[in-house]
Amino acid sequence: MNEMDIKNIVTKQRAFFHTGATLDVDFRIQALKKLKICIQKHEGAIGEAIKKDLGKSGFESYMCETGLTLSEISYMTRHIRSFSREKTVHTALAQFHSRSYTKPSPYGIVLIMSPWNYPFLLTMEPLVDAIAAGNTAVLKPSAYSPHTSALIQEIIAECFNGKYVSVVTGGRAENACLLNEQFDYIFFTGSQAVGKEVMKQASARLTPVTLELGGKSPCIVEKSANIKLAAKRIVFGKFLNCGQTCVAPDYIYCDISIKDRLLAEIKKQIRLQFGNKPLANENYGKIINEKHFRRILGLIDQKKIAHGGNADPAALRIEPTVLDSVAFEDAVMQEEIFGPVLPILTYDSLDDAIQKINSMASPLALYLFTSDKQAVKQVTSRCGFGGGCINDTVIHLATSEMGFGGFGASGMGSYHGKDGFFTFSHHKSIVDKKTWLDLPMRYQPYRDIYDKVVHLFLS
């Protein structure tokens, strides 16, 4: 699309929003139900598109993308009426007699820019929340996942008129055109570098944003942890989608006394979950493109490979790889890995680990494996991070009952469930003042007796 095409979409959506059609909760519910039916209809095609883009199996695509999207739609259709209601709040005596309340209202036209690593989920789930809150939406899926992006465009066209929800495909030129338009809210998921540019462009128009970014998410394994279970769950979370997950454990930070046992169990779990030849496993995915394939290979120090390290350039596959004797100064620790490479670092005390983690940029996720309740309290209280798990990985984002979002350099704002509805809503604060009584004390001329009454009301 060119600049004029995009401008026409925004103009039509603004005109439609101002008709007030999306304010009707029943309208929103019907839109969500229609979307759910269409997704279910295209479930097989969604799996095929994701497999073409990322090599994911049908099971993994449904578990991590299609199924979670359907779950969010079901949650929203059950709760949208309660989320949309006005909420009466306490009125101060000085405002007698009045009713004070907050009213959730949609922002208007929302721009949703999504990444390639979970191309269906990270486009459709924010859309579900935006629709539930009463907005119109323009979707911009990633150019790096063209098959899924094309299918998303097909599904949206089947469900909605373009004046309500539209899809813009393409690359940087289309991104630039979109960011030059006046949206009422921008929701971006992607890298920190692009997130900074989105925020810069949004600030020029004073457009509010949610940024879902990333970072180096630590996985702390404390000495009291169940080593076998920790290894099993770390391997699952790290190598899901070939490590191309924003909340994947980026590195293991473990007590030095248990490192050898943990490393042995991790090697064992990789063989159990992916086989002795992961590159031949049809359910093990691929790296999104050659650029990222080469970047990830460049992070692997051949002298520090403890397991794996093999790659298939023709298929863009890198087998699950574990690096040992890694230091924070190594190349693999200078950027978010976003691939199937797992460095292991050690600490002498948990206090030292916390201090080191806090000296780095705030991560999107943090994981802690321990049987010590005091360690849980210590880490979750003192470390800054978006969200995480105790004795598991990645599953904290798979629920509509908790918001998901970043902290510090890993992002701002959150979504999922109620948090998602409120992210795409502005809460108007309203005082409904009654007309049968009008206290004279606020009007001039001021009197001593009024001064005493005001002090009484406001103290």
Protein backbone atom coordinates (compact mmCIF):
# COMPACT_ATOMS: atom_id res chain seq x y z
CA MET A 1 0.00 0.00 0.00
CA ASN A 2 1.09 3.56 -0.63
CA GLU A 3 0.70 6.61 1.57
CA MET A 4 -2.67 7.58 0.07
CA ASP A 5 -4.11 4.07 0.57
CA ILE A 6 -3.15 4.15 4.24
CA LYS A 7 -4.49 7.66 4.70
CA ASN A 8 -7.84 6.56 3.20
CA ILE A 9 -8.06 3.64 5.64
CA VAL A 10 -7.47 5.92 8.62
CA THR A 11 -9.98 8.49 7.33
CA LYS A 12 -12.69 5.86 6.82
CA GLN A 13 -12.06 4.30 10.22
CA ARG A 14 -12.25 7.67 11.94
CA ALA A 15 -15.57 8.42 10.25
CA PHE A 16 -16.92 5.00 11.25
CA PHE A 17 -15.76 5.34 14.85
CA HIS A 18 -17.51 8.69 15.14
CA THR A 19 -20.82 7.10 14.16
CA GLY A 20 -20.78 5.51 17.63
CA ALA A 21 -21.41 1.99 16.28
CA THR A 22 -18.53 0.45 18.26
CA LEU A 23 -19.83 1.86 21.56
CA ASP A 24 -22.59 -0.77 21.58
CA VAL A 25 -21.37 -3.72 23.67
CA ASP A 26 -23.57 -6.14 21.69
CA PHE A 27 -21.87 -4.95 18.50
CA ARG A 28 -18.48 -5.76 20.02
CA ILE A 29 -19.59 -9.19 21.23
CA GLN A 30 -20.94 -10.10 17.81
CA ALA A 31 -17.68 -8.97 16.21
CA LEU A 32 -15.68 -11.20 18.56
CA LYS A 33 -17.95 -14.18 17.97
CA LYS A 34 -17.66 -13.73 14.23
CA LEU A 35 -13.88 -13.60 14.52
CA LYS A 36 -13.83 -16.77 16.62
CA ILE A 37 -15.93 -18.71 14.10
CA CYS A 38 -13.68 -17.57 11.27
CA ILE A 39 -10.49 -18.57 13.12
CA GLN A 40 -11.93 -21.99 13.88
CA LYS A 41 -12.88 -22.37 10.22
CA HIS A 42 -9.32 -21.57 9.13
CA GLU A 43 -7.55 -23.49 11.91
CA GLY A 44 -5.82 -25.87 9.52
CA ALA A 45 -4.74 -23.09 7.18
CA ILE A 46 -3.34 -21.11 10.12
CA GLY A 47 -1.20 -24.07 11.12
CA GLU A 48 0.05 -24.51 7.56
CA ALA A 49 0.93 -20.81 7.21
CA ILE A 50 2.86 -20.76 10.49
CA LYS A 51 4.70 -23.93 9.48
CA LYS A 52 5.77 -22.30 6.20
CA ASP A 53 7.05 -19.24 8.05
CA LEU A 54 8.61 -20.84 11.15
CA GLY A 55 8.53 -24.60 10.71
CA LYS A 56 6.28 -25.09 13.73
CA SER A 57 4.25 -28.26 14.10
CA GLY A 58 0.46 -28.09 14.04
CA PHE A 59 0.38 -29.03 17.73
CA GLU A 60 2.72 -26.19 18.71
CA SER A 61 0.90 -23.68 16.50
CA TYR A 62 -2.42 -24.44 18.15
CA MET A 63 -0.99 -24.62 21.68
CA CYS A 64 0.95 -21.38 21.43
CA GLU A 65 -0.99 -19.28 18.92
CA THR A 66 -4.44 -20.29 17.64
CA GLY A 67 -5.65 -21.82 20.90
CA LEU A 68 -4.50 -18.88 23.03
CA THR A 69 -6.25 -16.46 20.66
CA LEU A 70 -9.51 -18.40 20.89
CA SER A 71 -9.15 -18.51 24.67
CA GLU A 72 -8.79 -14.72 24.80
CA ILE A 73 -11.92 -14.28 22.67
CA SER A 74 -13.89 -16.59 24.98
CA TYR A 75 -12.67 -14.72 28.04
CA MET A 76 -13.59 -11.35 26.59
CA THR A 77 -17.08 -12.36 25.47
CA ARG A 78 -17.77 -13.60 29.02
CA HIS A 79 -16.48 -10.47 30.77
CA ILE A 80 -16.95 -7.58 28.36
CA ARG A 81 -20.23 -6.40 29.90
CA SER A 82 -18.77 -6.11 33.39
CA PHE A 83 -15.59 -4.44 32.08
CA SER A 84 -17.67 -1.90 30.13
CA ARG A 85 -19.85 -0.77 33.02
CA GLU A 86 -19.54 2.61 34.68
CA LYS A 87 -18.10 2.32 38.18
CA THR A 88 -19.42 4.53 40.96
CA VAL A 89 -16.75 5.84 43.32
CA HIS A 90 -16.88 7.68 46.63
CA THR A 91 -17.84 11.36 46.46
CA ALA A 92 -16.22 13.75 48.92
CA LEU A 93 -18.46 15.70 51.25
CA ALA A 94 -17.36 18.94 49.59
CA GLN A 95 -19.10 17.78 46.38
CA PHE A 96 -22.43 17.05 48.06
CA HIS A 97 -24.82 16.19 46.43
CA SER A 98 -23.23 14.36 43.47
CA ARG A 99 -22.54 11.01 41.93
CA SER A 100 -18.92 10.37 40.93
CA TYR A 101 -18.07 7.60 38.50
CA THR A 102 -15.54 6.36 35.98
CA LYS A 103 -16.59 5.43 32.46
CA PRO A 104 -14.43 3.15 30.27
CA SER A 105 -14.34 4.56 26.75
CA PRO A 106 -12.47 3.45 23.62
CA TYR A 107 -9.55 5.51 22.41
CA GLY A 108 -10.69 5.45 18.79
CA ILE A 109 -8.44 4.22 15.98
CA VAL A 110 -5.76 1.79 17.15
CA LEU A 111 -2.62 0.76 15.28
CA ILE A 112 -1.37 -2.75 16.16
CA MET A 113 2.14 -3.56 14.90
CA SER A 114 3.13 -7.18 15.44
CA PRO A 115 6.31 -9.31 15.08
CA TRP A 116 7.14 -12.49 13.17
CA ASN A 117 7.96 -14.93 15.97
CA TYR A 118 4.34 -15.62 16.99
CA PRO A 119 2.79 -13.97 13.96
CA PHE A 120 -0.83 -15.02 14.49
CA LEU A 121 -1.10 -14.74 18.28
CA LEU A 122 0.70 -11.41 18.62
CA THR A 123 -1.48 -9.84 15.94
CA MET A 124 -4.86 -11.26 16.86
CA GLU A 125 -4.75 -11.18 20.65
CA PRO A 126 -4.21 -7.41 20.89
CA LEU A 127 -6.95 -7.05 18.25
CA VAL A 128 -9.36 -9.01 20.45
CA ASP A 129 -8.69 -6.62 23.35
CA ALA A 130 -8.99 -3.55 21.11
CA ILE A 131 -12.32 -4.70 19.66
CA ALA A 132 -13.65 -5.58 23.12
CA ALA A 133 -12.84 -2.06 24.31
CA GLY A 134 -14.75 -0.54 21.37
CA ASN A 135 -12.01 0.64 19.04
CA THR A 136 -11.46 0.31 15.32
CA ALA A 137 -8.10 -1.15 14.34
CA VAL A 138 -5.40 -1.18 11.68
CA LEU A 139 -3.18 -4.26 11.81
CA LYS A 140 0.39 -4.30 10.54
CA PRO A 141 1.79 -7.85 10.70
CA SER A 142 5.45 -8.56 10.01
CA ALA A 143 6.87 -8.82 6.51
CA TYR A 144 9.16 -11.60 7.79
CA SER A 145 6.20 -14.00 8.18
CA PRO A 146 4.49 -13.48 4.80
CA HIS A 147 2.32 -16.61 4.74
CA THR A 148 0.75 -15.89 8.11
CA SER A 149 0.39 -12.19 7.31
CA ALA A 150 -1.45 -13.01 4.07
CA LEU A 151 -3.80 -15.37 5.90
CA ILE A 152 -4.48 -12.77 8.60
CA GLN A 153 -5.43 -10.34 5.84
CA GLU A 154 -7.80 -12.94 4.38
CA ILE A 155 -9.44 -13.70 7.71
CA ILE A 156 -9.93 -10.02 8.60
CA ALA A 157 -11.40 -9.25 5.17
CA GLU A 158 -13.81 -12.15 5.60
CA CYS A 159 -14.90 -10.95 9.05
CA PHE A 160 -14.93 -7.16 8.93
CA ASN A 161 -15.46 -4.16 6.74
CA GLY A 162 -12.22 -2.25 6.25
CA LYS A 163 -13.71 0.81 7.90
CA TYR A 164 -13.79 -1.23 11.13
CA VAL A 165 -10.67 -3.46 10.95
CA SER A 166 -8.04 -3.35 8.20
CA VAL A 167 -4.73 -5.06 7.51
CA VAL A 168 -1.72 -3.31 5.97
CA THR A 169 1.00 -5.65 4.72
CA GLY A 170 4.48 -4.72 3.58
CA GLY A 171 7.73 -3.62 5.16
CA ARG A 172 9.54 -0.51 6.30
CA ALA A 173 7.90 1.84 3.80
CA GLU A 174 4.42 0.88 5.02
CA ASN A 175 5.57 1.13 8.65
CA ALA A 176 6.80 4.67 8.01
CA CYS A 177 3.54 5.68 6.34
CA LEU A 178 1.51 4.28 9.22
CA LEU A 179 3.58 6.08 11.84
CA ASN A 180 3.05 9.34 9.95
CA GLU A 181 -0.71 9.03 10.48
CA GLN A 182 -2.62 10.26 13.52
CA PHE A 183 -3.76 7.23 15.51
CA ASP A 184 -5.41 7.40 18.91
CA TYR A 185 -3.35 4.53 20.32
CA ILE A 186 -0.37 2.46 19.13
CA PHE A 187 0.32 -1.07 20.32
CA PHE A 188 3.74 -2.37 19.27
CA THR A 189 5.39 -5.73 19.82
CA GLY A 190 8.95 -6.18 18.63
CA SER A 191 12.55 -5.24 19.18
CA GLN A 192 13.81 -2.48 21.44
CA ALA A 193 15.43 -0.69 18.47
CA VAL A 194 12.18 -0.46 16.50
CA GLY A 195 10.23 0.23 19.70
CA LYS A 196 12.31 3.37 20.24
CA GLU A 197 11.45 4.60 16.75
CA VAL A 198 7.74 3.87 17.28
CA MET A 199 7.80 5.81 20.54
CA LYS A 200 9.68 8.68 18.90
CA GLN A 201 7.11 8.98 16.11
CA ALA A 202 4.21 8.62 18.56
CA SER A 203 5.61 11.35 20.80
CA ALA A 204 5.53 13.84 17.91
CA ARG A 205 1.74 13.39 17.85
CA LEU A 206 1.29 12.82 21.60
CA THR A 207 -0.11 9.37 20.85
CA PRO A 208 -0.16 6.96 23.81
CA VAL A 209 1.66 3.67 23.28
CA THR A 210 2.09 0.19 24.65
CA LEU A 211 5.49 -1.31 23.90
CA GLU A 212 6.01 -5.06 24.26
CA LEU A 213 9.75 -5.48 23.77
CA GLY A 214 12.23 -8.02 25.10
CA GLY A 215 15.58 -8.38 26.79
CA LYS A 216 17.85 -10.93 28.35
CA SER A 217 15.51 -12.88 30.61
CA PRO A 218 17.46 -14.72 33.33
CA CYS A 219 16.65 -18.18 34.60
CA ILE A 220 17.98 -18.49 38.14
CA VAL A 221 18.48 -22.02 39.44
CA GLU A 222 19.03 -21.89 43.20
CA LYS A 223 20.80 -24.71 45.02
CA SER A 224 17.60 -26.10 46.58
CA ALA A 225 15.88 -26.54 43.18
CA ASN A 226 14.53 -29.82 41.87
CA ILE A 227 17.27 -30.21 39.26
CA LYS A 228 15.59 -32.82 37.08
CA LEU A 229 12.29 -30.93 36.84
CA ALA A 230 14.09 -27.61 36.39
CA ALA A 231 16.03 -28.97 33.42
CA LYS A 232 12.88 -30.39 31.83
CA ARG A 233 10.98 -27.12 32.07
CA ILE A 234 13.92 -24.93 31.09
CA VAL A 235 14.51 -26.99 27.94
CA PHE A 236 10.83 -26.69 27.04
CA GLY A 237 10.71 -22.92 27.52
CA LYS A 238 14.08 -22.17 25.95
CA PHE A 239 13.77 -24.21 22.77
CA LEU A 240 10.06 -23.65 22.12
CA ASN A 241 9.85 -22.06 18.65
CA CYS A 242 13.63 -22.57 18.40
CA GLY A 243 14.20 -20.00 21.11
CA GLN A 244 12.42 -17.30 19.09
CA THR A 245 10.21 -16.33 22.01
CA CYS A 246 10.39 -12.95 23.72
CA VAL A 247 10.01 -14.53 27.17
CA ALA A 248 12.31 -17.50 26.57
CA PRO A 249 14.96 -18.00 29.26
CA ASP A 250 17.86 -16.14 27.67
CA TYR A 251 20.49 -17.62 29.97
CA ILE A 252 20.79 -19.83 33.03
CA TYR A 253 22.27 -18.27 36.16
CA CYS A 254 22.80 -21.07 38.65
CA ASP A 255 24.49 -21.73 41.95
CA ILE A 256 28.00 -22.96 41.20
CA SER A 257 27.52 -26.00 43.46
CA ILE A 258 24.79 -27.50 41.24
CA LYS A 259 26.01 -26.46 37.79
CA ASP A 260 27.44 -29.83 36.73
CA ARG A 261 24.30 -31.74 37.76
CA LEU A 262 22.07 -29.20 36.02
CA LEU A 263 24.13 -29.31 32.82
CA ALA A 264 23.95 -33.10 32.72
CA GLU A 265 20.16 -33.03 33.15
CA ILE A 266 19.73 -30.36 30.48
CA LYS A 267 21.67 -32.47 27.98
CA LYS A 268 19.50 -35.43 28.89
CA GLN A 269 16.29 -33.44 28.47
CA ILE A 270 17.32 -32.12 25.06
CA ARG A 271 17.75 -35.70 23.87
CA LEU A 272 14.45 -36.78 25.44
CA GLN A 273 12.43 -33.88 24.01
CA PHE A 274 14.05 -33.44 20.59
CA GLY A 275 15.81 -36.76 19.94
CA ASN A 276 19.43 -37.55 19.24
CA LYS A 277 19.19 -35.73 15.90
CA PRO A 278 17.09 -32.58 16.47
CA LEU A 279 17.81 -31.31 12.95
CA ALA A 280 15.91 -34.33 11.60
CA ASN A 281 12.97 -33.82 13.98
CA GLU A 282 10.00 -32.68 11.88
CA ASN A 283 8.42 -31.03 14.92
CA TYR A 284 11.47 -28.86 15.58
CA GLY A 285 11.12 -25.53 13.80
CA LYS A 286 13.50 -23.24 11.95
CA ILE A 287 15.01 -19.79 12.19
CA ILE A 288 12.84 -17.16 10.50
CA ASN A 289 15.37 -16.09 7.85
CA GLU A 290 19.04 -16.24 6.84
CA LYS A 291 19.87 -12.91 8.48
CA HIS A 292 18.86 -14.17 11.92
CA PHE A 293 20.33 -17.62 11.22
CA ARG A 294 23.77 -16.05 10.62
CA ARG A 295 23.40 -13.72 13.58
CA ILE A 296 22.68 -16.60 15.98
CA LEU A 297 25.56 -18.71 14.65
CA GLY A 298 27.82 -15.73 15.28
CA LEU A 299 26.94 -15.87 18.98
CA ILE A 300 28.11 -19.46 19.39
CA ASP A 301 31.67 -19.77 20.73
CA GLN A 302 32.84 -23.15 19.43
CA LYS A 303 35.24 -23.56 22.39
CA LYS A 304 32.37 -23.32 24.88
CA ILE A 305 29.85 -25.70 23.32
CA ALA A 306 28.73 -28.23 25.91
CA HIS A 307 25.96 -29.71 23.75
CA GLY A 308 24.73 -29.30 20.18
CA GLY A 309 26.16 -26.61 17.95
CA ASN A 310 25.31 -28.22 14.60
CA ALA A 311 23.31 -26.37 11.95
CA ASP A 312 21.63 -26.94 8.58
CA PRO A 313 22.00 -23.76 6.49
CA ALA A 314 19.72 -25.03 3.73
CA ALA A 315 16.85 -25.54 6.18
CA LEU A 316 17.81 -22.59 8.45
CA ARG A 317 17.95 -24.93 11.42
CA ILE A 318 20.24 -24.76 14.46
CA GLU A 319 20.02 -27.61 16.93
CA PRO A 320 19.50 -26.90 20.65
CA THR A 321 22.89 -25.66 21.81
CA VAL A 322 24.23 -25.26 25.34
CA LEU A 323 27.27 -23.13 26.16
CA ASP A 324 29.30 -23.68 29.35
CA SER A 325 31.94 -21.54 31.11
CA VAL A 326 30.28 -18.39 29.76
CA ALA A 327 31.14 -14.93 31.13
CA PHE A 328 29.00 -11.80 31.08
CA GLU A 329 31.58 -10.22 28.78
CA ASP A 330 31.07 -12.85 26.04
CA ALA A 331 29.32 -11.91 22.78
CA VAL A 332 26.36 -14.16 23.54
CA MET A 333 25.64 -12.03 26.64
CA GLN A 334 25.69 -8.69 24.83
CA GLU A 335 22.30 -9.02 23.13
CA GLU A 336 19.04 -10.92 23.37
CA ILE A 337 19.80 -14.29 21.77
CA PHE A 338 16.35 -15.01 20.30
CA GLY A 339 17.47 -18.42 19.13
CA PRO A 340 18.22 -21.97 20.35
CA VAL A 341 21.42 -21.14 22.24
CA LEU A 342 21.49 -21.49 26.03
CA PRO A 343 24.48 -20.07 27.95
CA ILE A 344 25.10 -21.22 31.51
CA LEU A 345 26.67 -18.84 34.02
CA THR A 346 27.24 -19.39 37.74
CA TYR A 347 27.08 -17.36 40.95
CA ASP A 348 28.53 -17.91 44.41
CA SER A 349 25.60 -16.46 46.36
CA LEU A 350 22.03 -15.48 45.57
CA ASP A 351 22.74 -11.94 46.76
CA ASP A 352 25.50 -11.69 44.16
CA ALA A 353 23.12 -12.96 41.46
CA ILE A 354 20.45 -10.41 42.36
CA GLN A 355 22.99 -7.61 42.37
CA LYS A 356 24.27 -8.63 38.92
CA ILE A 357 20.79 -8.94 37.40
CA ASN A 358 19.83 -5.52 38.77
CA SER A 359 22.95 -3.99 37.20
CA MET A 360 21.66 -4.98 33.75
CA ALA A 361 18.68 -3.72 31.73
CA SER A 362 15.34 -4.86 33.18
CA PRO A 363 14.26 -8.12 31.51
CA LEU A 364 10.82 -8.95 30.14
CA ALA A 365 10.74 -12.17 32.17
CA LEU A 366 12.55 -13.76 35.10
CA TYR A 367 12.44 -17.40 36.16
CA LEU A 368 13.47 -18.87 39.49
CA PHE A 369 13.80 -22.55 40.33
CA THR A 370 13.98 -23.13 44.06
CA SER A 371 12.40 -24.91 47.02
CA ASP A 372 13.31 -22.05 49.36
CA LYS A 373 10.41 -19.68 50.07
CA GLN A 374 12.80 -17.03 51.35
CA ALA A 375 14.66 -17.15 48.03
CA VAL A 376 11.37 -16.60 46.21
CA LYS A 377 10.59 -13.58 48.35
CA GLN A 378 14.09 -12.22 47.96
CA VAL A 379 14.23 -12.47 44.16
CA THR A 380 10.68 -11.39 43.35
CA SER A 381 10.93 -8.40 45.68
CA ARG A 382 14.38 -7.12 44.76
CA CYS A 383 14.64 -7.81 41.01
CA GLY A 384 12.88 -5.68 38.42
CA PHE A 385 11.21 -7.59 35.58
CA GLY A 386 7.97 -7.71 33.60
CA GLY A 387 6.63 -11.07 34.78
CA GLY A 388 7.78 -14.62 35.28
CA CYS A 389 7.44 -17.99 36.95
CA ILE A 390 8.58 -19.86 40.02
CA ASN A 391 9.68 -23.38 39.10
CA ASP A 392 8.54 -23.10 35.48
CA THR A 393 9.08 -21.03 32.35
CA VAL A 394 6.97 -18.99 29.86
CA ILE A 395 3.55 -20.15 31.10
CA HIS A 396 2.78 -16.87 32.87
CA LEU A 397 1.72 -15.32 29.55
CA ALA A 398 -0.80 -18.07 28.80
CA THR A 399 -3.63 -16.74 30.95
CA SER A 400 -6.22 -14.04 30.51
CA GLU A 401 -6.45 -13.58 34.28
CA MET A 402 -3.13 -11.70 34.52
CA GLY A 403 -1.72 -8.85 32.52
CA PHE A 404 1.40 -9.46 30.46
CA GLY A 405 3.89 -6.69 29.81
CA GLY A 406 7.38 -5.36 30.21
CA PHE A 407 9.23 -3.20 32.68
CA GLY A 408 11.92 -0.62 32.06
CA ALA A 409 13.83 -1.39 28.87
CA SER A 410 11.65 -4.45 28.19
CA GLY A 411 8.54 -2.38 27.55
CA MET A 412 5.63 -0.47 29.02
CA GLY A 413 1.96 -1.25 29.45
CA SER A 414 0.31 -4.66 29.50
CA TYR A 415 -2.49 -6.70 27.96
CA HIS A 416 -4.43 -9.98 28.23
CA GLY A 417 -7.91 -10.15 29.71
CA LYS A 418 -8.98 -7.25 31.89
CA ASP A 419 -5.60 -5.56 31.52
CA GLY A 420 -5.99 -5.72 27.75
CA PHE A 421 -9.46 -4.20 27.86
CA PHE A 422 -8.24 -1.35 30.05
CA THR A 423 -5.10 -0.83 27.93
CA PHE A 424 -7.32 0.03 24.98
CA SER A 425 -9.74 2.10 27.09
CA HIS A 426 -9.60 5.61 28.47
CA HIS A 427 -11.31 5.96 31.85
CA LYS A 428 -13.30 9.17 31.96
CA SER A 429 -13.74 10.60 35.47
CA ILE A 430 -17.18 12.20 35.74
CA VAL A 431 -19.05 14.04 38.50
CA ASP A 432 -22.82 14.22 38.06
CA LYS A 433 -23.83 17.20 40.22
CA LYS A 434 -27.46 17.44 41.32
CA THR A 435 -29.40 20.63 40.70
CA TRP A 436 -31.65 20.72 43.76
CA LEU A 437 -28.86 21.99 46.03
CA ASP A 438 -26.17 24.59 45.34
CA LEU A 439 -23.82 25.31 48.21
CA PRO A 440 -22.87 29.02 48.16
CA MET A 441 -19.43 28.75 49.79
CA ARG A 442 -17.40 28.40 46.58
CA TYR A 443 -18.69 31.62 45.10
CA GLN A 444 -17.39 35.13 45.72
CA PRO A 445 -17.67 37.20 47.76
CA TYR A 446 -15.90 34.89 50.21
CA ARG A 447 -16.95 35.06 53.89
CA ASP A 448 -15.33 34.02 57.14
CA ILE A 449 -18.02 31.45 57.86
CA TYR A 450 -17.43 29.88 54.44
CA ASP A 451 -13.71 29.75 55.14
CA LYS A 452 -14.37 27.69 58.26
CA VAL A 453 -16.72 25.34 56.41
CA VAL A 454 -14.20 24.82 53.58
CA HIS A 455 -11.49 23.96 56.14
CA LEU A 456 -13.88 21.51 57.75
CA PHE A 457 -14.74 19.79 54.43
CA LEU A 458 -11.20 19.59 53.08
CA SER A 459 -9.15 18.74 56.18
